[in-house]
Protein backbone atom coordinates (compact mmCIF):
# COMPACT_ATOMS: atom_id res chain seq x y z
CA MET A 1 13.42 -21.14 -12.54
CA TYR A 2 11.20 -21.02 -15.53
CA ILE A 3 13.05 -20.28 -18.87
CA TYR A 4 11.16 -18.52 -21.66
CA ASP A 5 10.76 -20.33 -24.92
CA HIS A 6 10.36 -18.99 -28.46
CA TYR A 7 6.66 -18.31 -27.88
CA ASP A 8 7.20 -16.46 -24.69
CA LYS A 9 9.99 -14.27 -26.21
CA THR A 10 7.85 -13.50 -29.26
CA LEU A 11 4.99 -12.44 -27.17
CA LEU A 12 7.14 -10.03 -25.17
CA GLU A 13 8.72 -8.60 -28.23
CA GLU A 14 5.37 -7.97 -29.87
CA ARG A 15 3.92 -6.45 -26.59
CA VAL A 16 6.88 -4.11 -26.26
CA ALA A 17 6.49 -2.89 -29.93
CA GLN A 18 2.78 -2.44 -29.45
CA PHE A 19 3.16 -0.33 -26.35
CA ARG A 20 5.89 1.74 -28.01
CA ARG A 21 3.48 2.59 -30.84
CA GLN A 22 0.75 3.40 -28.27
CA THR A 23 3.14 5.65 -26.17
CA GLU A 24 4.25 7.45 -29.23
CA SER A 25 0.66 8.05 -30.33
CA TYR A 26 -0.21 9.40 -26.90
CA LEU A 27 2.78 11.73 -26.86
CA ALA A 28 1.81 12.98 -30.30
CA GLY A 29 -1.65 13.79 -29.12
CA GLU A 30 -3.29 11.04 -31.19
CA LEU A 31 -4.58 9.17 -28.16
CA ALA A 32 -6.59 10.85 -25.39
CA GLU A 33 -5.82 10.39 -21.86
CA ASP A 34 -8.79 8.22 -21.10
CA GLU A 35 -7.85 5.98 -24.11
CA PHE A 36 -4.18 5.74 -23.03
CA LEU A 37 -5.04 5.00 -19.41
CA PRO A 38 -6.15 1.25 -19.67
CA LEU A 39 -3.23 0.63 -22.10
CA ARG A 40 -0.53 1.96 -19.72
CA LEU A 41 -2.00 0.34 -16.68
CA GLN A 42 -1.77 -3.16 -18.28
CA ASN A 43 1.82 -2.44 -19.00
CA GLY A 44 2.53 -1.49 -15.35
CA LEU A 45 2.60 2.29 -15.81
CA TYR A 46 1.05 4.59 -13.15
CA ILE A 47 1.05 8.43 -13.02
CA GLN A 48 2.07 9.17 -9.48
CA ARG A 49 2.35 12.36 -7.39
CA LEU A 50 5.49 13.69 -8.92
CA ALA A 51 6.39 11.42 -11.85
CA PRO A 52 5.42 8.13 -13.56
CA MET A 53 5.89 4.80 -11.69
CA LEU A 54 6.63 1.55 -13.43
CA ARG A 55 5.76 -1.63 -11.60
CA ILE A 56 7.75 -4.66 -12.84
CA ASN A 57 6.56 -8.24 -12.10
CA ILE A 58 8.80 -10.70 -10.21
CA PRO A 59 6.60 -13.89 -10.64
CA TYR A 60 6.46 -15.83 -7.44
CA GLY A 61 9.38 -13.76 -6.16
CA MET A 62 12.22 -15.33 -7.98
CA LEU A 63 15.11 -13.40 -9.67
CA SER A 64 18.29 -14.52 -11.29
CA SER A 65 21.59 -12.72 -10.88
CA ALA A 66 21.34 -11.67 -14.61
CA GLN A 67 17.91 -10.13 -13.92
CA LEU A 68 19.29 -8.27 -10.84
CA ARG A 69 22.10 -6.88 -12.90
CA LYS A 70 19.71 -5.77 -15.65
CA LEU A 71 17.49 -3.99 -13.00
CA ALA A 72 20.69 -2.34 -11.65
CA HIS A 73 21.42 -1.04 -15.17
CA ILE A 74 17.81 0.23 -15.65
CA THR A 75 17.59 2.05 -12.26
CA ARG A 76 20.90 3.72 -13.05
CA THR A 77 20.18 4.60 -16.72
CA TYR A 78 16.47 5.40 -16.63
CA ASP A 79 15.78 6.36 -12.95
CA LYS A 80 17.51 7.95 -10.06
CA GLY A 81 19.69 4.93 -9.00
CA TYR A 82 17.30 3.14 -6.76
CA ALA A 83 14.14 1.03 -6.93
CA HIS A 84 11.60 -0.26 -4.44
CA PHE A 85 10.53 -3.79 -3.60
CA THR A 86 6.84 -4.10 -2.87
CA THR A 87 4.73 -6.43 -0.65
CA ARG A 88 3.56 -8.42 -3.65
CA GLN A 89 7.02 -9.48 -4.80
CA ASN A 90 7.29 -6.71 -7.47
CA ILE A 91 9.83 -4.01 -7.95
CA GLN A 92 8.99 -0.39 -8.75
CA LEU A 93 10.70 2.51 -10.42
CA ASN A 94 9.57 5.87 -9.14
CA TRP A 95 11.13 8.29 -11.52
CA PRO A 96 11.17 6.93 -15.18
CA ARG A 97 10.41 9.34 -18.00
CA LEU A 98 7.18 8.40 -19.93
CA GLU A 99 8.86 8.48 -23.37
CA GLU A 100 11.56 6.02 -22.16
CA ILE A 101 9.15 3.39 -20.74
CA PRO A 102 9.14 1.36 -24.03
CA ASP A 103 12.95 1.30 -23.93
CA ILE A 104 12.81 0.00 -20.23
CA LEU A 105 10.43 -2.69 -21.29
CA ALA A 106 12.61 -3.71 -24.17
CA GLU A 107 15.55 -4.09 -21.84
CA LEU A 108 13.46 -6.12 -19.41
CA ALA A 109 12.43 -8.43 -22.19
CA GLU A 110 16.14 -9.23 -22.81
CA VAL A 111 16.28 -11.00 -19.34
CA GLU A 112 12.72 -12.54 -19.54
CA MET A 113 11.03 -9.79 -17.39
CA HIS A 114 8.08 -7.60 -18.09
CA ALA A 115 5.37 -5.33 -16.56
CA ILE A 116 2.36 -6.93 -18.19
CA GLN A 117 -0.69 -6.84 -15.96
CA SER A 118 1.25 -5.57 -13.01
CA SER A 119 -1.65 -3.02 -12.72
CA GLY A 120 -5.04 -2.52 -14.18
CA ASN A 121 -8.27 -4.44 -13.60
CA CYS A 122 -6.90 -7.81 -14.54
CA ILE A 123 -5.13 -10.80 -12.88
CA ARG A 124 -1.93 -9.42 -11.25
CA ASN A 125 1.43 -10.97 -10.53
CA ILE A 126 1.13 -14.48 -9.10
CA THR A 127 2.82 -14.63 -5.68
CA SER A 128 4.15 -17.32 -3.43
CA ASP A 129 6.32 -18.14 -0.48
CA GLU A 130 9.99 -17.02 -0.44
CA PHE A 131 10.94 -20.40 0.87
CA ALA A 132 9.04 -22.29 -1.85
CA GLY A 133 10.89 -25.46 -2.70
CA ILE A 134 13.44 -25.25 0.06
CA SER A 135 11.18 -25.47 3.25
CA ALA A 136 10.81 -28.78 5.09
CA ASP A 137 7.28 -28.00 6.08
CA GLU A 138 5.84 -27.93 2.53
CA THR A 139 3.39 -30.35 1.13
CA GLU A 140 4.65 -29.64 -2.30
CA ASP A 141 6.76 -26.93 -4.15
CA PRO A 142 4.17 -24.29 -5.22
CA ARG A 143 6.35 -22.75 -7.86
CA PRO A 144 5.38 -24.99 -10.81
CA TRP A 145 1.72 -24.22 -10.02
CA CYS A 146 2.47 -20.58 -9.83
CA GLU A 147 3.99 -20.85 -13.30
CA ILE A 148 0.97 -22.67 -14.65
CA VAL A 149 -1.32 -20.02 -13.36
CA ARG A 150 0.88 -17.27 -14.66
CA GLN A 151 0.86 -18.59 -18.18
CA TRP A 152 -2.87 -19.14 -18.02
CA SER A 153 -3.63 -15.69 -16.76
CA THR A 154 -1.20 -13.60 -18.83
CA LEU A 155 -3.15 -11.77 -21.58
CA HIS A 156 -6.19 -14.02 -20.98
CA PRO A 157 -8.69 -12.46 -23.28
CA GLU A 158 -11.69 -13.17 -21.20
CA PHE A 159 -10.28 -11.63 -17.97
CA ALA A 160 -8.50 -8.46 -19.40
CA PHE A 161 -11.11 -6.08 -18.09
CA LEU A 162 -12.43 -7.32 -14.74
CA PRO A 163 -14.57 -5.28 -12.41
CA ARG A 164 -11.44 -4.63 -10.35
CA LYS A 165 -7.90 -5.82 -9.86
CA PHE A 166 -7.45 -9.41 -9.04
CA LYS A 167 -4.71 -11.14 -7.01
CA ILE A 168 -3.75 -14.83 -6.59
CA ALA A 169 -1.34 -16.37 -4.16
CA ILE A 170 -0.24 -19.99 -3.77
CA THR A 171 1.42 -21.66 -0.75
CA GLY A 172 2.65 -25.20 -0.11
CA SER A 173 2.72 -24.73 3.67
CA ASP A 174 0.29 -24.60 6.51
CA ASP A 175 2.27 -21.65 7.81
CA ASP A 176 0.94 -19.62 4.79
CA ARG A 177 3.97 -17.44 4.19
CA ALA A 178 2.24 -16.37 0.94
CA ALA A 179 -0.68 -14.59 2.85
CA THR A 180 -3.20 -16.53 0.75
CA GLN A 181 -6.00 -15.65 3.22
CA VAL A 182 -5.97 -11.91 2.26
CA HIS A 183 -5.99 -12.46 -1.50
CA ASP A 184 -8.89 -12.60 -4.05
CA ILE A 185 -7.96 -16.29 -4.50
CA GLY A 186 -5.73 -18.15 -2.18
CA LEU A 187 -4.63 -21.67 -3.08
CA GLN A 188 -2.99 -23.98 -0.53
CA LEU A 189 -1.39 -27.29 -1.77
CA ILE A 190 -2.69 -30.33 0.17
CA LYS A 191 -2.83 -34.15 -0.17
CA ASN A 192 -5.91 -36.20 0.09
CA GLY A 193 -6.20 -39.58 1.80
CA ALA A 194 -4.66 -41.35 -1.24
CA GLY A 195 -1.70 -38.97 -1.35
CA GLU A 196 -2.82 -37.11 -4.38
CA THR A 197 -2.01 -33.47 -4.90
CA GLY A 198 -4.83 -30.95 -4.67
CA PHE A 199 -5.74 -27.52 -3.53
CA LYS A 200 -7.76 -25.96 -0.76
CA VAL A 201 -9.38 -22.94 -2.45
CA LEU A 202 -10.09 -19.69 -0.64
CA VAL A 203 -11.93 -16.77 -2.25
CA GLY A 204 -12.75 -13.17 -1.32
CA GLY A 205 -9.89 -12.17 0.85
CA GLY A 206 -8.34 -8.71 0.71
CA LEU A 207 -7.39 -5.58 2.59
CA GLY A 208 -8.06 -1.98 1.49
CA ARG A 209 -11.20 -0.12 2.68
CA THR A 210 -13.07 -3.36 3.49
CA PRO A 211 -10.58 -5.83 4.90
CA VAL A 212 -11.82 -9.44 4.77
CA ILE A 213 -10.18 -12.83 5.52
CA GLY A 214 -10.88 -15.25 2.56
CA SER A 215 -13.43 -17.96 2.86
CA VAL A 216 -12.84 -21.68 1.94
CA ILE A 217 -15.14 -22.54 -0.93
CA LYS A 218 -13.60 -25.91 -1.78
CA GLU A 219 -11.75 -28.16 0.68
CA TYR A 220 -10.12 -30.34 -1.93
CA LEU A 221 -9.82 -29.59 -5.65
CA PRO A 222 -7.87 -32.19 -7.66
CA ALA A 223 -4.80 -30.51 -9.17
CA VAL A 224 -5.68 -31.44 -12.72
CA HIS A 225 -8.75 -29.18 -12.43
CA LEU A 226 -6.89 -26.15 -11.20
CA LEU A 227 -7.32 -23.99 -14.34
CA THR A 228 -10.95 -25.04 -15.09
CA TYR A 229 -11.96 -24.20 -11.44
CA LEU A 230 -10.11 -20.74 -11.65
CA ASP A 231 -12.01 -20.19 -14.99
CA ALA A 232 -15.27 -20.82 -13.16
CA ILE A 233 -14.38 -18.44 -10.28
CA LEU A 234 -13.32 -15.58 -12.63
CA ARG A 235 -16.38 -16.09 -14.91
CA ILE A 236 -18.75 -15.68 -11.95
CA TYR A 237 -16.94 -12.60 -10.75
CA ASN A 238 -16.61 -11.15 -14.28
CA ARG A 239 -20.38 -11.59 -14.76
CA TYR A 240 -21.76 -10.50 -11.36
CA GLY A 241 -19.03 -8.25 -9.73
CA ARG A 242 -19.98 -4.60 -9.45
CA ARG A 243 -18.81 -2.18 -12.08
CA ASP A 244 -20.88 0.87 -10.96
CA ASN A 245 -18.64 1.54 -7.81
CA LYS A 246 -15.01 0.83 -7.66
CA TYR A 247 -15.04 0.69 -3.86
CA LYS A 248 -17.47 -2.22 -4.01
CA ALA A 249 -16.13 -3.96 -7.08
CA ARG A 250 -13.63 -6.47 -5.52
CA ILE A 251 -14.65 -10.08 -5.44
CA LYS A 252 -14.78 -10.03 -1.60
CA ILE A 253 -17.84 -7.73 -1.87
CA LEU A 254 -19.60 -10.17 -4.05
CA VAL A 255 -18.74 -13.19 -1.80
CA LYS A 256 -19.90 -11.28 1.19
CA ALA A 257 -23.15 -10.19 -0.34
CA TRP A 258 -24.00 -13.67 -1.67
CA THR A 259 -22.40 -15.48 1.41
CA PRO A 260 -19.56 -17.87 0.72
CA GLU A 261 -21.91 -20.96 0.55
CA VAL A 262 -24.00 -19.36 -2.30
CA PHE A 263 -20.85 -18.18 -4.09
CA ALA A 264 -19.28 -21.65 -3.91
CA GLN A 265 -22.40 -23.25 -5.34
CA ARG A 266 -22.49 -20.75 -8.20
CA VAL A 267 -18.86 -21.52 -8.93
CA GLU A 268 -19.63 -25.27 -8.74
CA ASP A 269 -22.52 -24.96 -11.23
CA GLU A 270 -20.32 -22.92 -13.63
CA TRP A 271 -17.47 -25.34 -13.26
CA GLN A 272 -19.64 -28.25 -14.44
CA HIS A 273 -19.59 -26.83 -17.94
CA ALA A 274 -15.71 -26.76 -18.08
CA LYS A 275 -14.60 -29.33 -15.66
CA ASP A 276 -13.23 -31.87 -18.16
CA GLY A 277 -12.69 -29.37 -21.01
CA PRO A 278 -9.47 -28.45 -22.84
CA ALA A 279 -8.06 -26.49 -19.89
CA THR A 280 -7.92 -29.71 -17.86
CA LEU A 281 -4.22 -30.18 -16.92
CA THR A 282 -2.37 -33.30 -18.19
CA GLU A 283 0.20 -35.14 -16.25
CA GLN A 284 2.66 -34.19 -19.10
CA GLU A 285 1.97 -30.50 -18.62
CA ILE A 286 2.35 -30.65 -14.88
CA ALA A 287 5.62 -32.61 -15.30
CA ARG A 288 6.78 -29.89 -17.82
CA ALA A 289 6.16 -27.20 -15.25
CA ARG A 290 7.91 -29.03 -12.47
CA SER A 291 10.94 -29.67 -14.65
CA PHE A 292 11.85 -26.05 -14.55
CA PHE A 293 12.16 -26.00 -10.77
CA SER A 294 14.62 -28.86 -10.26
CA ALA A 295 16.93 -28.71 -7.25
CA PRO A 296 20.41 -27.12 -7.77
CA ASP A 297 23.58 -29.26 -7.59
CA TYR A 298 23.64 -29.55 -3.79
CA LEU A 299 26.89 -30.86 -2.30
CA PRO A 300 27.02 -33.41 0.46
CA ARG A 301 26.89 -31.89 3.96
CA PRO A 302 30.38 -30.64 4.61
CA GLY A 303 32.31 -31.40 7.82
CA LEU A 304 32.05 -28.53 10.43
CA THR A 305 35.19 -26.76 11.29
CA VAL A 306 36.00 -23.80 13.49
CA GLY A 307 35.12 -20.62 11.85
CA SER A 308 32.78 -22.27 9.39
CA GLY A 309 29.94 -19.94 10.29
CA THR A 310 27.67 -22.46 11.95
CA SER A 311 26.68 -22.47 15.64
CA ALA A 312 25.71 -26.09 15.56
CA ASP A 313 28.52 -26.80 17.94
CA GLN A 314 28.97 -24.67 21.03
CA SER A 315 32.78 -24.46 20.84
CA ILE A 316 32.40 -22.94 17.33
CA ALA A 317 29.79 -20.40 18.47
CA GLU A 318 32.03 -19.16 21.27
CA VAL A 319 34.82 -17.99 18.96
CA LEU A 320 32.53 -16.19 16.58
CA PRO A 321 31.63 -12.42 16.85
CA VAL A 322 28.50 -11.70 18.84
CA ALA A 323 27.21 -9.61 15.89
CA PHE A 324 27.49 -12.60 13.62
CA ASN A 325 25.66 -14.91 16.17
CA ARG A 326 22.89 -12.33 16.46
CA TRP A 327 22.59 -12.18 12.62
CA GLN A 328 22.53 -15.93 12.37
CA ASP A 329 19.69 -16.13 14.90
CA ARG A 330 17.58 -13.58 13.27
CA ASN A 331 18.38 -13.74 9.49
CA VAL A 332 19.11 -17.46 8.90
CA ARG A 333 16.43 -20.18 8.39
CA GLN A 334 16.47 -23.91 8.25
CA HIS A 335 16.72 -25.55 4.88
CA LYS A 336 15.20 -28.94 3.92
CA ILE A 337 18.63 -29.97 2.61
CA ALA A 338 21.12 -30.79 5.44
CA GLY A 339 24.13 -28.44 5.34
CA TYR A 340 22.24 -25.58 3.67
CA CYS A 341 20.09 -22.64 4.80
CA GLY A 342 18.04 -19.73 3.63
CA VAL A 343 19.46 -16.32 4.49
CA PHE A 344 17.65 -12.97 4.63
CA LEU A 345 19.39 -9.83 3.39
CA SER A 346 17.63 -7.11 5.44
CA LEU A 347 16.65 -4.12 3.48
CA LYS A 348 15.69 -2.27 6.68
CA PRO A 349 18.72 -0.48 8.09
CA THR A 350 17.97 2.63 10.02
CA GLY A 351 17.50 5.72 7.75
CA VAL A 352 16.54 3.73 4.70
CA ALA A 353 12.91 3.46 3.39
CA PRO A 354 11.85 -0.22 3.86
CA GLY A 355 12.20 -2.05 0.57
CA ASP A 356 14.49 0.52 -1.22
CA VAL A 357 17.54 -0.73 -2.85
CA THR A 358 20.19 1.16 -4.94
CA ASP A 359 21.56 0.08 -8.26
CA GLN A 360 24.89 -0.76 -6.67
CA GLN A 361 23.17 -2.87 -3.97
CA LEU A 362 21.26 -4.70 -6.75
CA GLU A 363 24.58 -5.62 -8.36
CA THR A 364 26.00 -6.69 -4.95
CA ILE A 365 22.98 -8.90 -4.39
CA ALA A 366 23.66 -10.40 -7.78
CA ASP A 367 27.31 -11.05 -6.81
CA LEU A 368 26.25 -12.65 -3.59
CA ALA A 369 23.79 -14.89 -5.33
CA ASP A 370 26.41 -16.09 -7.73
CA ARG A 371 28.84 -16.66 -4.94
CA TYR A 372 26.61 -18.22 -2.44
CA SER A 373 23.22 -19.27 -3.77
CA PHE A 374 23.44 -20.77 -7.26
CA GLY A 375 22.72 -17.43 -8.87
CA GLU A 376 19.14 -17.01 -7.58
CA VAL A 377 17.35 -14.85 -4.94
CA ARG A 378 13.87 -14.59 -3.62
CA VAL A 379 11.91 -11.37 -2.97
CA THR A 380 9.72 -11.48 0.27
CA HIS A 381 6.40 -10.09 1.21
CA GLN A 382 8.19 -8.16 4.00
CA GLN A 383 10.20 -6.20 1.41
CA ASN A 384 13.49 -8.04 2.04
CA VAL A 385 15.58 -10.50 -0.12
CA VAL A 386 16.49 -14.13 0.58
CA LEU A 387 19.45 -16.19 -0.63
CA SER A 388 17.78 -19.52 -0.75
CA ASP A 389 20.57 -22.08 -0.96
CA VAL A 390 23.52 -21.09 1.14
CA ARG A 391 25.92 -23.61 2.50
CA GLN A 392 26.30 -23.45 6.34
CA GLU A 393 30.05 -23.38 6.00
CA ASP A 394 29.76 -20.21 3.93
CA LEU A 395 27.58 -18.27 6.46
CA PHE A 396 30.43 -16.38 8.16
CA ALA A 397 31.96 -15.26 4.85
CA LEU A 398 28.47 -14.22 3.57
CA TRP A 399 27.82 -12.25 6.70
CA LYS A 400 31.07 -10.20 6.24
CA ASP A 401 30.22 -9.55 2.62
CA ALA A 402 26.57 -8.63 3.44
CA LYS A 403 27.70 -6.39 6.28
CA ALA A 404 29.92 -4.34 3.99
CA MET A 405 26.90 -3.39 1.88
CA GLY A 406 24.33 -2.82 4.63
CA PHE A 407 22.48 -6.01 4.19
CA ALA A 408 23.33 -7.64 7.52
CA THR A 409 21.09 -5.77 9.92
CA PRO A 410 20.00 -8.58 12.31
CA ASN A 411 16.40 -7.44 12.68
CA ILE A 412 14.34 -9.94 10.67
CA GLY A 413 11.00 -10.39 12.51
CA THR A 414 11.59 -7.57 14.93
CA LEU A 415 9.79 -4.20 15.17
CA THR A 416 12.17 -2.44 12.72
CA ASP A 417 11.66 -5.12 10.04
CA MET A 418 8.54 -3.16 9.26
CA ILE A 419 6.42 -3.13 6.05
CA CYS A 420 5.96 0.29 4.62
CA CYS A 421 4.24 1.57 1.44
CA PRO A 422 5.76 4.58 -0.52
CA GLY A 423 3.03 6.89 0.98
CA GLY A 424 2.54 10.54 0.29
CA ASP A 425 6.12 11.05 -0.83
CA PHE A 426 5.24 9.37 -4.09
CA CYS A 427 1.71 8.03 -4.24
CA SER A 428 -1.18 10.32 -5.52
CA LEU A 429 -3.63 8.27 -3.67
CA ALA A 430 -1.92 8.52 -0.16
CA ASN A 431 -3.55 10.58 2.68
CA ALA A 432 -0.25 10.83 4.60
CA LYS A 433 3.45 10.14 4.37
CA SER A 434 4.67 6.65 5.37
CA ILE A 435 8.47 6.75 5.03
CA PRO A 436 9.14 9.56 7.67
CA ILE A 437 7.00 7.44 10.19
CA ALA A 438 9.16 4.38 9.34
CA GLU A 439 12.33 6.37 9.80
CA ALA A 440 11.30 7.88 13.09
CA LEU A 441 10.41 4.38 14.44
CA GLN A 442 13.75 2.97 13.17
CA ARG A 443 15.63 5.75 15.05
CA ARG A 444 13.47 5.41 18.19
CA PHE A 445 14.00 1.73 18.40
CA ASP A 446 17.63 1.26 17.36
CA ASP A 447 18.73 -0.71 20.40
CA MET A 448 19.06 -4.38 19.33
CA ASP A 449 19.04 -5.72 22.91
CA TYR A 450 15.64 -3.94 23.43
CA LEU A 451 14.32 -5.40 20.07
CA TYR A 452 15.37 -8.88 20.98
CA ASP A 453 13.82 -8.53 24.37
CA ILE A 454 10.57 -7.50 22.77
CA GLY A 455 10.78 -10.45 20.34
CA ASP A 456 8.81 -11.08 17.22
CA VAL A 457 6.37 -8.26 16.35
CA SER A 458 5.15 -7.09 13.01
CA LEU A 459 4.63 -3.39 12.36
CA ASN A 460 3.00 -2.39 9.05
CA ILE A 461 2.42 1.24 7.75
CA SER A 462 0.03 2.36 5.05
CA GLY A 463 -0.41 5.77 3.79
CA CYS A 464 -4.04 5.40 2.94
CA MET A 465 -6.94 2.96 3.11
CA ASN A 466 -5.75 1.13 -0.04
CA ALA A 467 -3.43 -0.73 2.46
CA CYS A 468 -0.50 -1.38 0.37
CA GLY A 469 1.47 -1.50 3.53
CA HIS A 470 -0.90 -4.24 4.87
CA HIS A 471 -1.54 -2.42 8.08
CA HIS A 472 -4.63 -4.53 8.79
CA VAL A 473 -2.58 -7.63 9.32
CA GLY A 474 0.32 -6.15 11.24
CA ASN A 475 0.48 -6.95 14.93
CA ILE A 476 0.76 -3.20 15.11
CA GLY A 477 -0.72 -1.39 12.21
CA VAL A 478 -0.31 2.30 11.31
CA LEU A 479 -2.66 3.96 8.84
CA GLY A 480 -2.27 7.51 7.52
CA VAL A 481 -5.46 9.49 7.56
CA ASP A 482 -6.47 13.01 6.43
CA LYS A 483 -8.34 15.41 8.75
CA LYS A 484 -9.11 18.65 7.11
CA GLY A 485 -5.88 18.67 5.13
CA LEU A 486 -3.59 17.59 8.05
CA GLU A 487 -1.94 14.23 8.29
CA PHE A 488 -2.83 12.02 11.23
CA TYR A 489 -2.03 8.30 12.03
CA GLN A 490 -4.41 5.67 13.26
CA ILE A 491 -3.13 2.75 15.24
CA GLN A 492 -4.48 -0.78 15.00
CA LEU A 493 -3.60 -3.76 17.23
CA GLY A 494 -4.04 -7.52 16.77
CA GLY A 495 -3.51 -8.06 13.10
CA LYS A 496 -1.76 -11.16 11.94
CA ALA A 497 -0.62 -12.49 8.52
CA GLY A 498 0.14 -16.04 7.68
CA GLY A 499 -1.69 -19.03 9.11
CA ASN A 500 -4.82 -18.14 11.17
CA ALA A 501 -4.75 -14.61 9.80
CA ALA A 502 -6.53 -11.94 11.70
CA LEU A 503 -7.49 -8.34 11.12
CA GLY A 504 -6.41 -5.61 13.66
CA ASN A 505 -8.72 -3.46 15.69
CA VAL A 506 -8.57 0.36 15.91
CA LEU A 507 -6.97 1.42 19.17
CA GLY A 508 -8.73 4.87 19.37
CA PRO A 509 -8.42 8.36 18.12
CA SER A 510 -5.56 9.16 15.64
CA PHE A 511 -2.19 10.91 16.42
CA PHE A 512 0.08 13.48 14.94
CA ALA A 513 3.16 12.07 13.22
CA ASN A 514 5.48 13.28 16.05
CA GLU A 515 3.45 11.35 18.54
CA VAL A 516 3.58 7.95 16.85
CA PRO A 517 7.00 6.78 18.20
CA GLY A 518 5.98 7.55 21.72
CA VAL A 519 2.59 5.77 21.25
CA ILE A 520 4.42 2.68 19.88
CA GLU A 521 6.77 2.82 22.95
CA LYS A 522 3.83 2.84 25.32
CA ILE A 523 2.24 -0.09 23.48
CA LEU A 524 5.30 -2.12 23.80
CA GLN A 525 5.74 -1.27 27.46
CA THR A 526 2.18 -2.46 28.08
CA TYR A 527 3.02 -5.74 26.42
CA VAL A 528 6.18 -6.07 28.60
CA ASP A 529 4.06 -5.30 31.70
CA HIS A 530 1.60 -8.06 30.87
CA ARG A 531 3.44 -10.89 29.17
CA ILE A 532 4.20 -14.13 30.60
CA ASP A 533 7.30 -16.27 29.92
CA GLY A 534 7.59 -17.27 26.28
CA GLU A 535 4.62 -15.20 25.20
CA GLN A 536 5.00 -13.06 21.92
CA PHE A 537 3.36 -9.70 21.45
CA ILE A 538 0.46 -10.96 19.49
CA ASP A 539 -0.29 -13.71 22.08
CA THR A 540 -0.34 -11.28 24.96
CA GLN A 541 -2.41 -8.76 23.00
CA LYS A 542 -4.95 -11.49 22.25
CA ARG A 543 -5.03 -12.66 25.78
CA ILE A 544 -5.48 -9.37 27.53
CA GLY A 545 -7.47 -7.60 24.79
CA ILE A 546 -7.12 -4.06 23.63
CA ALA A 547 -8.35 -2.32 26.88
CA PRO A 548 -5.02 -2.25 28.75
CA PHE A 549 -3.38 -0.60 25.66
CA LYS A 550 -6.21 2.03 25.47
CA GLU A 551 -5.81 2.79 29.14
CA CYS A 552 -2.12 3.34 28.78
CA ILE A 553 -2.26 5.56 25.69
CA TYR A 554 -5.48 7.65 26.43
CA ALA A 555 -6.05 7.68 30.11
CA LYS A 556 -3.96 10.78 30.84
CA ALA A 557 -5.29 12.64 27.81
CA ALA A 558 -8.83 11.95 29.10
């Protein structure tokens, strides 16, 4: 992973000192609220319903064991002993004291972490794929390119105050595990006919009040021109994006108003002024970025023995516990290096808010990373954690260790592996609570045999139209809405993240909180009644449409 140099460390130290002075001035009454607002936002600090919230960047989702232990210390010392992983590969503290935020930032800087631009109308944390660099289906490892974009965008003076927040995601896979199609800019690594690296560029994706799938504005961008082309996109947006209405300020609104074709031409015209300028990447700079993401010291594939923790041989699988085999089937993924695999640590046991993790668990993850995965972990868009480089012969030992700390719930990809925003329990923008809905669903659907029979299905919950829970792209989406001061929940069907992303459609009138589990159960039963062999929920729903689900849910009420 990227290692900070003298310039990086100096920048962080100066930034922490600057924000310390700004915070002290605000607390002393020398800065007004509206003056402090943009300053705190660009240092990751929100004021939520009950307390401040600090959002900490995890660039492209990578954490070292040292960083995990520092986060554990910070949550224990400055918060209430737990933190929350978000859908954009960040981590949030929900209860820090305002006067202690500079101390937290100083401690983060000790392990090369920060909260710069994790909020505000600027370029946010650059995200990627939790299997970047280890997946066999990649065109190329996207992490070096994420780091190049991160360095370019951090404290970029021209783009510090955009019309609205701006999010960039990069993937190296056709499967699009980085959800590039619902970002302001999505970049997919591809090769041209000559085998040269480049990018397919999508612009104008996003969720929120106006969900949009991004449009391709350039089929192939040579890699050396990445930053100059991003400059052109951001300059067009900065110049013409709306600033009079924050609900219409995102780049997706501009792209839709102009049409993708017109927007692409305006970018192309702007790009001609900078195409071969100083921001053009050199082969030396690209090689430097790649050098930080070299492969760990993989050992040759070990010989398989009974009890090794791999089910590659049937005789081995038969002597292992059923629970382990279930976990291996659901939580373990293929690695591009023979003898290794990626392993999900589920943060979705029943009764725990999706994405929440305690200080003790953070330290345990650090220990597991040191023991089994070269001291590194990945944070996923689904609010879980991945150990990226686990030897197959260590799987059984890892499962036992993970199980002891509640990380071995074998539910990855199932209904209870749901995405959930903090909702009305914390967020001042939320119309309704999200966490109690998630818990009610966890308890209603706690039969693993039933979940495995249902198969892969994504369920995403948002507490308001800002869609931090990505409800628009869940196979089943749940949205909290306000009706005359009462909390209701709207259900959507047919959303899909990843490759060939799709937006869900509203099922019908909304429901009270206590009705939601029963409604979801009827939706799943409708799927079971109509599915054909080998068909997943999303495939059945697309084939039969939304009408049978409506009939099942609303017919009796009508």
